[in-house]
């Protein structure tokens, strides 16, 4: 099943465009014929059961796995047509938050957040650390530059991971299960931070998540990946889909 682009989408305004993408893992087809656009400043969530290809989808968008078949453009650039040097340059346009935060345990927060700037000749070491301190303050961690990951709570590690993802002022942020392992209060604060970043900086978010509270709190639209039909079963606002999706499987997902 191939899902057509929604009628109200504007291709010219799209930050991310996916055409004819098929997801595979270990030789097995997960989802076929993905066609969708994600607009500038949109918070777009990818949802579905475990093993349906959500994280594989993110890896394709980040250029870590080639789209074959399929085409992916980020801010108008076809990442499949790039060589490795061009792909590395294109990655500067987006930031990534991995599930566990992925901070280096031997580095303090300032050093961790400054790390993506290390290969840039535009900044001195002091300037990189100053930028890192600014990003940490933006996520509520001002004054924690000298702290090490083992001294932080899970929520603080996620915030530090967001600061690192933002250090190069990307246009797009990819988050893989941002609320995983967090208590409800900390998860809600993280949702508020995501909305704050989007509303104040116009950043586009692509989230992989299974947390219903977060989906309803932040997502403008969702795409439901269905491994049984190997298709994107539905796309739309989560509150609308929860009530009016023509697919019982989608409505059931939101009612759990």
Protein backbone atom coordinates (compact mmCIF):
# COMPACT_ATOMS: atom_id res chain seq x y z
CA UNK A 1 0.00 0.00 0.00
CA UNK A 2 1.38 3.41 -0.97
CA UNK A 3 0.23 6.38 1.10
CA UNK A 4 -0.29 9.54 -0.92
CA UNK A 5 0.78 12.95 0.32
CA UNK A 6 -1.97 14.75 2.17
CA UNK A 7 -3.84 17.36 0.15
CA UNK A 8 -2.99 20.22 2.48
CA UNK A 9 0.75 19.62 2.34
CA UNK A 10 2.86 22.17 0.51
CA UNK A 11 5.87 20.52 -1.19
CA UNK A 12 7.57 23.88 -1.61
CA UNK A 13 7.47 24.45 2.15
CA UNK A 14 8.65 20.96 3.06
CA UNK A 15 11.80 20.57 5.13
CA UNK A 16 11.84 16.79 4.66
CA UNK A 17 10.45 14.90 1.66
CA UNK A 18 10.37 11.11 1.29
CA UNK A 19 9.31 9.50 -1.98
CA UNK A 20 8.96 5.75 -2.58
CA UNK A 21 11.11 4.73 0.39
CA UNK A 22 11.15 1.06 1.37
CA UNK A 23 12.50 0.01 4.78
CA UNK A 24 14.38 -3.27 5.08
CA UNK A 25 16.24 -4.97 7.91
CA UNK A 26 18.32 -8.15 7.61
CA UNK A 27 16.86 -8.75 4.16
CA UNK A 28 13.28 -8.47 5.39
CA UNK A 29 10.94 -5.78 4.06
CA UNK A 30 9.37 -3.80 6.90
CA UNK A 31 7.48 -0.92 5.24
CA UNK A 32 7.02 -0.26 1.52
CA UNK A 33 6.36 2.86 -0.56
CA UNK A 34 6.67 5.64 2.04
CA UNK A 35 5.60 9.00 0.57
CA UNK A 36 5.33 11.94 2.94
CA UNK A 37 6.45 15.50 3.55
CA UNK A 38 7.34 17.22 6.83
CA UNK A 39 6.99 20.99 6.93
CA UNK A 40 9.29 23.59 8.42
CA UNK A 41 8.68 23.95 12.14
CA UNK A 42 6.52 20.83 12.33
CA UNK A 43 6.78 18.22 15.08
CA UNK A 44 6.28 14.93 13.26
CA UNK A 45 6.16 11.61 15.13
CA UNK A 46 6.64 8.12 13.74
CA UNK A 47 4.64 5.55 15.68
CA UNK A 48 3.78 1.86 15.54
CA UNK A 49 4.57 -1.45 17.18
CA UNK A 50 8.08 -2.54 18.12
CA UNK A 51 10.11 -3.74 15.16
CA UNK A 52 8.03 -1.96 12.52
CA UNK A 53 10.99 0.05 11.18
CA UNK A 54 10.76 3.35 13.07
CA UNK A 55 14.44 3.55 13.98
CA UNK A 56 15.43 2.27 10.53
CA UNK A 57 13.41 5.14 9.08
CA UNK A 58 15.41 7.63 11.16
CA UNK A 59 18.70 6.12 10.01
CA UNK A 60 17.65 6.62 6.40
CA UNK A 61 16.76 10.26 7.08
CA UNK A 62 20.12 10.84 8.74
CA UNK A 63 21.95 9.36 5.77
CA UNK A 64 23.33 6.46 7.81
CA UNK A 65 21.66 3.96 5.47
CA UNK A 66 21.06 4.57 1.75
CA UNK A 67 17.48 4.77 0.53
CA UNK A 68 17.18 1.88 -1.93
CA UNK A 69 14.63 2.23 -3.36
CA UNK A 70 13.46 5.71 -2.51
CA UNK A 71 14.45 9.37 -2.46
CA UNK A 72 14.99 11.61 0.57
CA UNK A 73 15.52 15.35 0.49
CA UNK A 74 16.42 17.49 3.50
CA UNK A 75 16.02 21.23 3.01
CA UNK A 76 15.98 20.62 -0.73
CA UNK A 77 19.12 18.47 -0.82
CA UNK A 78 18.90 14.91 -2.15
CA UNK A 79 21.04 13.07 0.40
CA UNK A 80 21.19 9.91 -1.72
CA UNK A 81 23.07 11.74 -4.45
CA UNK A 82 25.85 12.88 -2.08
CA UNK A 83 29.24 11.31 -1.66
CA UNK A 84 30.46 10.77 1.91
CA UNK A 85 32.10 14.21 2.19
CA UNK A 86 28.92 15.93 1.00
CA UNK A 87 26.84 13.78 3.34
CA UNK A 88 28.98 14.82 6.33
CA UNK A 89 28.48 18.45 5.38
CA UNK A 90 24.72 17.96 5.02
CA UNK A 91 24.55 16.41 8.49
CA UNK A 92 25.48 19.79 9.92
CA UNK A 93 21.91 20.84 9.09
CA UNK A 94 20.45 18.41 11.61
CA UNK A 95 21.02 17.22 15.16
CA UNK A 96 20.32 13.87 16.76
CA UNK A 97 19.19 12.79 20.23
CA UNK A 98 19.81 9.08 20.76
CA UNK A 99 17.76 6.97 23.16
CA UNK A 100 20.19 6.95 26.08
CA UNK A 101 21.60 10.42 25.52
CA UNK A 102 24.87 8.86 24.25
CA UNK A 103 27.11 11.16 26.30
CA UNK A 104 30.80 10.31 26.68
CA UNK A 105 31.30 9.31 30.31
CA UNK A 106 34.91 10.60 30.39
CA UNK A 107 33.86 14.11 29.32
CA UNK A 108 32.00 16.73 31.32
CA UNK A 109 28.83 18.27 29.93
CA UNK A 110 30.58 21.25 28.40
CA UNK A 111 32.99 19.02 26.52
CA UNK A 112 30.22 16.64 25.44
CA UNK A 113 28.06 19.42 24.03
CA UNK A 114 31.02 21.11 22.31
CA UNK A 115 32.16 17.88 20.66
CA UNK A 116 30.31 18.36 17.31
CA UNK A 117 32.22 21.64 16.89
CA UNK A 118 35.64 20.04 17.40
CA UNK A 119 36.47 19.64 13.71
CA UNK A 120 35.47 23.22 12.90
CA UNK A 121 38.33 25.64 12.36
CA UNK A 122 35.95 28.55 12.92
CA UNK A 123 36.10 28.36 16.72
CA UNK A 124 38.78 28.24 19.37
CA UNK A 125 38.47 25.77 22.25
CA UNK A 126 37.22 28.57 24.49
CA UNK A 127 34.63 29.64 21.94
CA UNK A 128 33.38 26.07 21.54
CA UNK A 129 32.93 25.73 25.30
CA UNK A 130 31.15 29.09 25.46
CA UNK A 131 28.72 27.95 22.76
CA UNK A 132 28.19 24.70 24.69
CA UNK A 133 27.46 26.67 27.87
CA UNK A 134 24.89 28.74 25.98
CA UNK A 135 23.15 25.62 24.64
CA UNK A 136 23.13 24.04 28.09
CA UNK A 137 21.50 27.17 29.50
CA UNK A 138 18.83 26.92 26.80
CA UNK A 139 17.81 23.47 28.08
CA UNK A 140 17.85 24.46 31.75
CA UNK A 141 21.36 23.24 32.60
CA UNK A 142 23.17 26.54 33.14
CA UNK A 143 26.07 26.04 35.54
CA UNK A 144 26.33 22.29 34.91
CA UNK A 145 29.17 22.52 32.36
CA UNK A 146 31.70 20.82 34.66
CA UNK A 147 29.39 17.97 35.71
CA UNK A 148 29.95 14.46 34.39
CA UNK A 149 27.15 12.21 33.09
CA UNK A 150 27.23 9.93 36.15
CA UNK A 151 26.37 12.94 38.32
CA UNK A 152 23.12 13.62 36.46
CA UNK A 153 19.58 12.27 36.49
CA UNK A 154 18.08 10.61 33.42
CA UNK A 155 16.14 13.74 32.53
CA UNK A 156 19.25 15.92 32.79
CA UNK A 157 21.15 13.54 30.51
CA UNK A 158 18.39 13.83 27.92
CA UNK A 159 18.51 17.63 28.19
CA UNK A 160 22.27 17.59 27.75
CA UNK A 161 21.80 15.37 24.70
CA UNK A 162 19.37 17.95 23.27
CA UNK A 163 21.90 20.72 23.92
CA UNK A 164 24.52 18.77 21.97
CA UNK A 165 22.05 18.11 19.14
CA UNK A 166 21.42 21.87 18.93
CA UNK A 167 25.03 23.05 19.15
CA UNK A 168 25.35 23.70 15.40
CA UNK A 169 21.98 25.46 15.17
CA UNK A 170 20.40 22.75 12.98
CA UNK A 171 17.20 23.21 11.02
CA UNK A 172 16.04 19.64 11.81
CA UNK A 173 16.25 17.58 15.00
CA UNK A 174 15.86 13.79 14.97
CA UNK A 175 14.90 12.30 18.34
CA UNK A 176 14.81 8.53 18.96
CA UNK A 177 12.51 7.71 21.92
CA UNK A 178 13.24 10.97 23.80
CA UNK A 179 11.02 10.04 26.78
CA UNK A 180 12.20 6.43 27.14
CA UNK A 181 13.04 5.56 30.74
CA UNK A 182 11.80 8.84 32.20
CA UNK A 183 9.16 9.27 34.90
CA UNK A 184 5.94 11.06 33.90
CA UNK A 185 6.90 14.42 35.43
CA UNK A 186 10.35 14.48 33.77
CA UNK A 187 8.83 13.31 30.50
CA UNK A 188 6.30 16.15 30.60
CA UNK A 189 9.07 18.69 31.19
CA UNK A 190 10.95 17.28 28.20
CA UNK A 191 7.82 17.68 26.08
CA UNK A 192 7.58 21.30 27.20
CA UNK A 193 11.21 21.84 26.19
CA UNK A 194 10.57 20.39 22.71
CA UNK A 195 7.61 22.74 22.23
CA UNK A 196 9.66 25.68 23.51
CA UNK A 197 12.48 25.00 21.04
CA UNK A 198 10.06 24.64 18.13
CA UNK A 199 8.03 27.72 19.02
CA UNK A 200 11.05 29.96 19.60
CA UNK A 201 13.46 28.73 16.94
CA UNK A 202 11.25 27.20 14.25
CA UNK A 203 13.15 23.91 14.34
CA UNK A 204 11.59 20.89 12.62
CA UNK A 205 11.35 17.75 14.76
CA UNK A 206 11.12 14.15 13.62
CA UNK A 207 10.43 11.90 16.62
CA UNK A 208 10.30 8.16 17.03
CA UNK A 209 8.24 7.43 20.12
CA UNK A 210 5.71 5.07 21.65
CA UNK A 211 4.78 7.34 24.57
CA UNK A 212 1.13 8.29 24.09
CA UNK A 213 1.24 11.24 26.51
CA UNK A 214 4.13 12.77 24.60
CA UNK A 215 2.52 12.10 21.22
CA UNK A 216 -0.64 13.96 22.25
CA UNK A 217 1.37 16.74 23.94
CA UNK A 218 3.76 17.68 21.15
CA UNK A 219 3.04 16.03 17.79
CA UNK A 220 1.42 18.07 15.03
CA UNK A 221 1.11 14.92 12.91
CA UNK A 222 2.03 11.26 13.16
CA UNK A 223 2.70 8.47 10.68
CA UNK A 224 1.53 5.01 11.78
CA UNK A 225 3.85 2.24 10.54
CA UNK A 226 2.06 -1.10 10.23
CA UNK A 227 4.26 -4.21 9.85
CA UNK A 228 1.33 -6.47 8.95
CA UNK A 229 0.40 -4.55 5.80
CA UNK A 230 3.99 -3.29 5.42
CA UNK A 231 2.61 0.19 4.89
CA UNK A 232 2.13 3.61 6.43
CA UNK A 233 -1.41 2.92 7.49
CA UNK A 234 -2.40 6.48 8.36
CA UNK A 235 -0.99 10.03 8.64
CA UNK A 236 -2.55 12.93 10.51
CA UNK A 237 -3.07 14.78 13.76
CA UNK A 238 -2.97 12.24 16.62
CA UNK A 239 -6.11 13.54 18.31
CA UNK A 240 -8.05 13.30 15.06
CA UNK A 241 -6.71 9.83 14.24
CA UNK A 242 -7.52 8.57 17.74
CA UNK A 243 -11.19 9.31 17.09
CA UNK A 244 -11.67 9.19 13.33
CA UNK A 245 -9.03 7.02 11.68
CA UNK A 246 -10.72 4.56 9.33
CA UNK A 247 -8.31 1.90 10.60
CA UNK A 248 -9.30 0.09 13.80
CA UNK A 249 -5.64 -0.76 14.46
CA UNK A 250 -4.74 2.94 14.60
CA UNK A 251 -7.65 3.81 16.89
CA UNK A 252 -6.72 0.89 19.15
CA UNK A 253 -3.11 2.11 19.39
CA UNK A 254 -4.27 5.45 20.74
CA UNK A 255 -6.75 3.90 23.17
CA UNK A 256 -4.22 1.74 25.00
